């Protein structure tokens, strides 16, 4: 609906959303990118990456996973390596782009 456009920007900022309550509501409304933003904002990177991995396995599109991984920091290196492996197998050039970016994290 038209009112859903405010959800993403809201979730990208510090908020007091309860994941247990918001998660089912976002899923019921098929607000998948907003769900990922909720996980990211709450530091639930493994949950976000699991969700993205499931979606990528179905769609064979790994862009969202690579974009998410690219926003993580060096402190998240174990997660980055773990969730890059499936992308590396399916889309090597895309996976390698994660490590050849000019950005510093």
N, C-alpha and C. Protein backbone atom coordinates (compact mmCIF):
# COMPACT_ATOMS: atom_id res chain seq x y z
N UNK A 1 0.83 -1.20 0.00
CA UNK A 1 0.00 0.00 0.00
C UNK A 1 0.87 1.25 0.00
N UNK A 2 0.23 2.37 -0.14
CA UNK A 2 0.97 3.63 -0.20
C UNK A 2 1.65 3.95 1.13
N UNK A 3 1.10 3.52 2.23
CA UNK A 3 1.68 3.86 3.53
C UNK A 3 2.91 3.02 3.87
N UNK A 4 3.19 1.96 3.12
CA UNK A 4 4.34 1.11 3.43
C UNK A 4 5.67 1.75 3.07
N UNK A 5 5.68 2.81 2.30
CA UNK A 5 6.93 3.44 1.89
C UNK A 5 7.71 4.01 3.08
N UNK A 6 7.06 4.28 4.18
CA UNK A 6 7.75 4.85 5.34
C UNK A 6 8.40 3.78 6.22
N UNK A 7 8.08 2.55 6.01
CA UNK A 7 8.58 1.48 6.87
C UNK A 7 10.09 1.30 6.72
N UNK A 8 10.58 1.23 5.49
CA UNK A 8 12.01 1.03 5.26
C UNK A 8 12.86 2.12 5.91
N UNK A 9 12.59 3.40 5.62
CA UNK A 9 13.38 4.46 6.25
C UNK A 9 13.30 4.42 7.78
N UNK A 10 12.14 4.09 8.31
CA UNK A 10 12.00 3.99 9.76
C UNK A 10 12.89 2.88 10.33
N UNK A 11 12.91 1.74 9.67
CA UNK A 11 13.68 0.60 10.16
C UNK A 11 15.19 0.80 10.02
N UNK A 12 15.61 1.65 9.11
CA UNK A 12 17.04 1.92 8.92
C UNK A 12 17.63 2.80 10.02
N UNK A 13 16.79 3.42 10.79
CA UNK A 13 17.23 4.30 11.88
C UNK A 13 17.12 3.53 13.20
N UNK A 14 17.82 3.98 14.22
CA UNK A 14 17.63 3.34 15.53
C UNK A 14 16.15 3.39 15.92
N UNK A 15 15.63 2.27 16.36
CA UNK A 15 14.21 2.19 16.69
C UNK A 15 13.99 1.21 17.83
N UNK A 16 12.79 1.18 18.33
CA UNK A 16 12.45 0.28 19.43
C UNK A 16 11.55 -0.86 18.99
N UNK A 17 11.60 -1.19 17.71
CA UNK A 17 10.77 -2.29 17.19
C UNK A 17 11.15 -3.61 17.86
N UNK A 18 10.15 -4.36 18.23
CA UNK A 18 10.35 -5.69 18.78
C UNK A 18 10.35 -6.67 17.61
N UNK A 19 11.46 -7.34 17.39
CA UNK A 19 11.61 -8.24 16.26
C UNK A 19 10.52 -9.32 16.27
N UNK A 20 10.25 -9.88 17.43
CA UNK A 20 9.26 -10.96 17.53
C UNK A 20 7.87 -10.50 17.09
N UNK A 21 7.57 -9.24 17.24
CA UNK A 21 6.26 -8.73 16.84
C UNK A 21 6.26 -8.22 15.40
N UNK A 22 7.37 -7.61 14.99
CA UNK A 22 7.43 -7.01 13.65
C UNK A 22 7.69 -8.05 12.56
N UNK A 23 8.48 -9.05 12.87
CA UNK A 23 8.86 -10.06 11.89
C UNK A 23 7.64 -10.70 11.21
N UNK A 24 6.66 -11.20 11.97
CA UNK A 24 5.50 -11.81 11.30
C UNK A 24 4.67 -10.80 10.51
N UNK A 25 4.58 -9.58 10.99
CA UNK A 25 3.80 -8.56 10.28
C UNK A 25 4.46 -8.20 8.95
N UNK A 26 5.77 -8.05 8.95
CA UNK A 26 6.48 -7.73 7.71
C UNK A 26 6.40 -8.90 6.73
N UNK A 27 6.53 -10.11 7.23
CA UNK A 27 6.43 -11.29 6.37
C UNK A 27 5.03 -11.43 5.79
N UNK A 28 4.03 -11.21 6.59
CA UNK A 28 2.64 -11.32 6.11
C UNK A 28 2.35 -10.31 5.00
N UNK A 29 3.02 -9.17 5.06
CA UNK A 29 2.82 -8.14 4.04
C UNK A 29 3.83 -8.27 2.89
N UNK A 30 4.64 -9.33 2.92
CA UNK A 30 5.67 -9.56 1.90
C UNK A 30 6.63 -8.39 1.78
N UNK A 31 6.95 -7.76 2.88
CA UNK A 31 7.89 -6.64 2.92
C UNK A 31 9.28 -7.20 3.23
N UNK A 32 9.85 -7.90 2.25
CA UNK A 32 11.07 -8.65 2.47
C UNK A 32 12.28 -7.76 2.71
N UNK A 33 12.45 -6.71 1.93
CA UNK A 33 13.61 -5.84 2.15
C UNK A 33 13.50 -5.12 3.48
N UNK A 34 12.30 -4.81 3.90
CA UNK A 34 12.09 -4.18 5.19
C UNK A 34 12.41 -5.15 6.33
N UNK A 35 12.10 -6.42 6.13
CA UNK A 35 12.44 -7.44 7.12
C UNK A 35 13.95 -7.54 7.27
N UNK A 36 14.66 -7.51 6.16
CA UNK A 36 16.12 -7.55 6.21
C UNK A 36 16.65 -6.30 6.93
N UNK A 37 16.05 -5.15 6.67
CA UNK A 37 16.47 -3.92 7.36
C UNK A 37 16.23 -4.01 8.86
N UNK A 38 15.13 -4.63 9.25
CA UNK A 38 14.85 -4.83 10.68
C UNK A 38 15.96 -5.67 11.31
N UNK A 39 16.29 -6.78 10.67
CA UNK A 39 17.37 -7.64 11.17
C UNK A 39 18.68 -6.85 11.27
N UNK A 40 19.01 -6.10 10.21
CA UNK A 40 20.26 -5.34 10.19
C UNK A 40 20.30 -4.31 11.32
N UNK A 41 19.21 -3.57 11.48
CA UNK A 41 19.15 -2.53 12.50
C UNK A 41 19.30 -3.10 13.90
N UNK A 42 18.87 -4.32 14.08
CA UNK A 42 18.96 -4.96 15.40
C UNK A 42 20.23 -5.78 15.56
N UNK A 43 21.10 -5.74 14.54
CA UNK A 43 22.36 -6.48 14.62
C UNK A 43 22.19 -7.98 14.44
N UNK A 44 21.08 -8.39 13.88
CA UNK A 44 20.79 -9.82 13.68
C UNK A 44 21.26 -10.23 12.29
N UNK A 45 22.56 -10.10 12.08
CA UNK A 45 23.11 -10.32 10.74
C UNK A 45 22.96 -11.77 10.28
N UNK A 46 23.13 -12.71 11.18
CA UNK A 46 22.98 -14.11 10.78
C UNK A 46 21.56 -14.39 10.31
N UNK A 47 20.57 -13.87 11.02
CA UNK A 47 19.17 -14.06 10.59
C UNK A 47 18.94 -13.43 9.23
N UNK A 48 19.46 -12.24 9.02
CA UNK A 48 19.30 -11.56 7.74
C UNK A 48 19.94 -12.38 6.63
N UNK A 49 21.14 -12.86 6.88
CA UNK A 49 21.85 -13.62 5.86
C UNK A 49 21.21 -14.98 5.59
N UNK A 50 20.68 -15.61 6.61
CA UNK A 50 19.94 -16.86 6.40
C UNK A 50 18.72 -16.62 5.50
N UNK A 51 18.00 -15.56 5.81
CA UNK A 51 16.82 -15.21 5.02
C UNK A 51 17.23 -14.92 3.57
N UNK A 52 18.27 -14.12 3.39
CA UNK A 52 18.74 -13.79 2.04
C UNK A 52 19.24 -15.02 1.30
N UNK A 53 19.89 -15.93 2.01
CA UNK A 53 20.38 -17.16 1.39
C UNK A 53 19.22 -18.03 0.90
N UNK A 54 18.17 -18.11 1.69
CA UNK A 54 16.98 -18.88 1.28
C UNK A 54 16.36 -18.28 0.03
N UNK A 55 16.23 -16.97 0.01
CA UNK A 55 15.64 -16.29 -1.16
C UNK A 55 16.54 -16.43 -2.38
N UNK A 56 17.84 -16.34 -2.19
CA UNK A 56 18.78 -16.47 -3.31
C UNK A 56 18.74 -17.88 -3.89
N UNK A 57 18.60 -18.88 -3.03
CA UNK A 57 18.54 -20.26 -3.51
C UNK A 57 17.33 -20.48 -4.41
N UNK A 58 16.25 -19.80 -4.11
CA UNK A 58 15.02 -19.93 -4.91
C UNK A 58 15.08 -19.11 -6.19
N UNK A 59 15.65 -17.91 -6.10
CA UNK A 59 15.63 -16.99 -7.23
C UNK A 59 16.90 -17.01 -8.07
N UNK A 60 17.97 -17.60 -7.53
CA UNK A 60 19.29 -17.61 -8.17
C UNK A 60 19.82 -16.20 -8.40
N UNK A 61 19.41 -15.28 -7.54
CA UNK A 61 19.89 -13.91 -7.59
C UNK A 61 20.57 -13.61 -6.25
N UNK A 62 21.83 -13.26 -6.32
CA UNK A 62 22.63 -13.09 -5.12
C UNK A 62 22.98 -11.63 -4.83
N UNK A 63 22.43 -10.73 -5.59
CA UNK A 63 22.75 -9.31 -5.43
C UNK A 63 22.44 -8.80 -4.02
N UNK A 64 21.29 -9.14 -3.49
CA UNK A 64 20.91 -8.67 -2.16
C UNK A 64 21.85 -9.21 -1.09
N UNK A 65 22.29 -10.44 -1.25
CA UNK A 65 23.23 -11.03 -0.30
C UNK A 65 24.56 -10.30 -0.35
N UNK A 66 25.07 -10.06 -1.54
CA UNK A 66 26.35 -9.35 -1.69
C UNK A 66 26.23 -7.93 -1.16
N UNK A 67 25.13 -7.26 -1.45
CA UNK A 67 24.93 -5.90 -0.93
C UNK A 67 24.93 -5.89 0.60
N UNK A 68 24.26 -6.87 1.19
CA UNK A 68 24.21 -6.96 2.65
C UNK A 68 25.61 -7.22 3.20
N UNK A 69 26.29 -8.19 2.64
CA UNK A 69 27.63 -8.52 3.10
C UNK A 69 28.57 -7.33 2.98
N UNK A 70 28.40 -6.54 1.94
CA UNK A 70 29.24 -5.38 1.72
C UNK A 70 29.05 -4.29 2.76
N UNK A 71 27.96 -4.31 3.46
CA UNK A 71 27.68 -3.31 4.50
C UNK A 71 28.21 -3.74 5.87
N UNK A 72 28.66 -4.98 5.98
CA UNK A 72 29.19 -5.46 7.25
C UNK A 72 30.61 -4.95 7.44
N UNK A 73 31.11 -5.06 8.64
CA UNK A 73 32.45 -4.58 8.96
C UNK A 73 33.42 -5.75 9.12
N UNK A 74 34.68 -5.43 9.31
CA UNK A 74 35.70 -6.46 9.51
C UNK A 74 35.39 -7.32 10.72
N UNK A 75 34.69 -6.76 11.68
CA UNK A 75 34.32 -7.53 12.87
C UNK A 75 33.39 -8.70 12.51
N UNK A 76 32.73 -8.59 11.37
CA UNK A 76 31.80 -9.63 10.92
C UNK A 76 32.44 -10.57 9.90
N UNK A 77 33.75 -10.58 9.83
CA UNK A 77 34.45 -11.38 8.83
C UNK A 77 34.03 -12.86 8.80
N UNK A 78 33.86 -13.53 9.95
CA UNK A 78 33.41 -14.93 9.88
C UNK A 78 32.07 -15.09 9.14
N UNK A 79 31.14 -14.19 9.40
CA UNK A 79 29.86 -14.24 8.68
C UNK A 79 30.05 -13.96 7.19
N UNK A 80 30.88 -12.97 6.90
CA UNK A 80 31.13 -12.61 5.50
C UNK A 80 31.67 -13.82 4.75
N UNK A 81 32.66 -14.47 5.33
CA UNK A 81 33.25 -15.64 4.66
C UNK A 81 32.24 -16.78 4.54
N UNK A 82 31.50 -17.04 5.59
CA UNK A 82 30.52 -18.14 5.56
C UNK A 82 29.47 -17.94 4.48
N UNK A 83 28.93 -16.73 4.37
CA UNK A 83 27.82 -16.50 3.44
C UNK A 83 28.29 -16.10 2.04
N UNK A 84 29.59 -15.90 1.87
CA UNK A 84 30.12 -15.64 0.54
C UNK A 84 30.34 -16.95 -0.22
N UNK A 85 30.62 -18.02 0.50
CA UNK A 85 30.93 -19.30 -0.15
C UNK A 85 29.82 -19.76 -1.11
N UNK A 86 28.54 -19.78 -0.70
CA UNK A 86 27.51 -20.20 -1.66
C UNK A 86 27.42 -19.28 -2.88
N UNK A 87 27.65 -17.99 -2.65
CA UNK A 87 27.62 -17.04 -3.77
C UNK A 87 28.81 -17.30 -4.69
N UNK A 88 29.94 -17.59 -4.10
CA UNK A 88 31.14 -17.87 -4.87
C UNK A 88 30.93 -19.07 -5.79
N UNK A 89 30.23 -20.06 -5.29
CA UNK A 89 29.95 -21.25 -6.10
C UNK A 89 28.98 -20.95 -7.23
N UNK A 90 27.97 -20.13 -6.96
CA UNK A 90 26.92 -19.87 -7.94
C UNK A 90 27.23 -18.72 -8.88
N UNK A 91 27.89 -17.69 -8.35
CA UNK A 91 28.16 -16.49 -9.14
C UNK A 91 29.54 -15.94 -8.74
N UNK A 92 30.60 -16.58 -9.20
CA UNK A 92 31.95 -16.22 -8.74
C UNK A 92 32.30 -14.74 -8.94
N UNK A 93 31.98 -14.18 -10.09
CA UNK A 93 32.33 -12.78 -10.33
C UNK A 93 31.65 -11.85 -9.34
N UNK A 94 30.40 -12.13 -9.04
CA UNK A 94 29.66 -11.32 -8.08
C UNK A 94 30.27 -11.44 -6.69
N UNK A 95 30.60 -12.65 -6.29
CA UNK A 95 31.20 -12.87 -4.97
C UNK A 95 32.56 -12.18 -4.87
N UNK A 96 33.35 -12.28 -5.90
CA UNK A 96 34.67 -11.64 -5.87
C UNK A 96 34.57 -10.12 -5.82
N UNK A 97 33.48 -9.58 -6.36
CA UNK A 97 33.30 -8.12 -6.32
C UNK A 97 33.22 -7.60 -4.88
N UNK A 98 32.78 -8.45 -3.99
CA UNK A 98 32.72 -8.06 -2.58
C UNK A 98 34.11 -7.75 -2.03
N UNK A 99 35.09 -8.47 -2.49
CA UNK A 99 36.45 -8.33 -1.97
C UNK A 99 37.32 -7.39 -2.80
N UNK A 100 36.81 -6.93 -3.92
CA UNK A 100 37.61 -6.05 -4.77
C UNK A 100 37.06 -4.63 -4.83
N UNK A 101 36.13 -4.32 -3.96
CA UNK A 101 35.58 -2.97 -3.90
C UNK A 101 36.63 -2.02 -3.36
N UNK A 102 36.50 -0.75 -3.70
CA UNK A 102 37.42 0.28 -3.22
C UNK A 102 37.06 0.80 -1.84
N UNK A 103 35.90 0.43 -1.34
CA UNK A 103 35.42 0.94 -0.04
C UNK A 103 36.23 0.34 1.09
N UNK A 104 36.35 1.11 2.18
CA UNK A 104 37.03 0.60 3.37
C UNK A 104 36.01 0.33 4.45
N UNK A 105 36.13 -0.85 5.09
CA UNK A 105 35.29 -1.22 6.23
C UNK A 105 36.13 -1.70 7.36
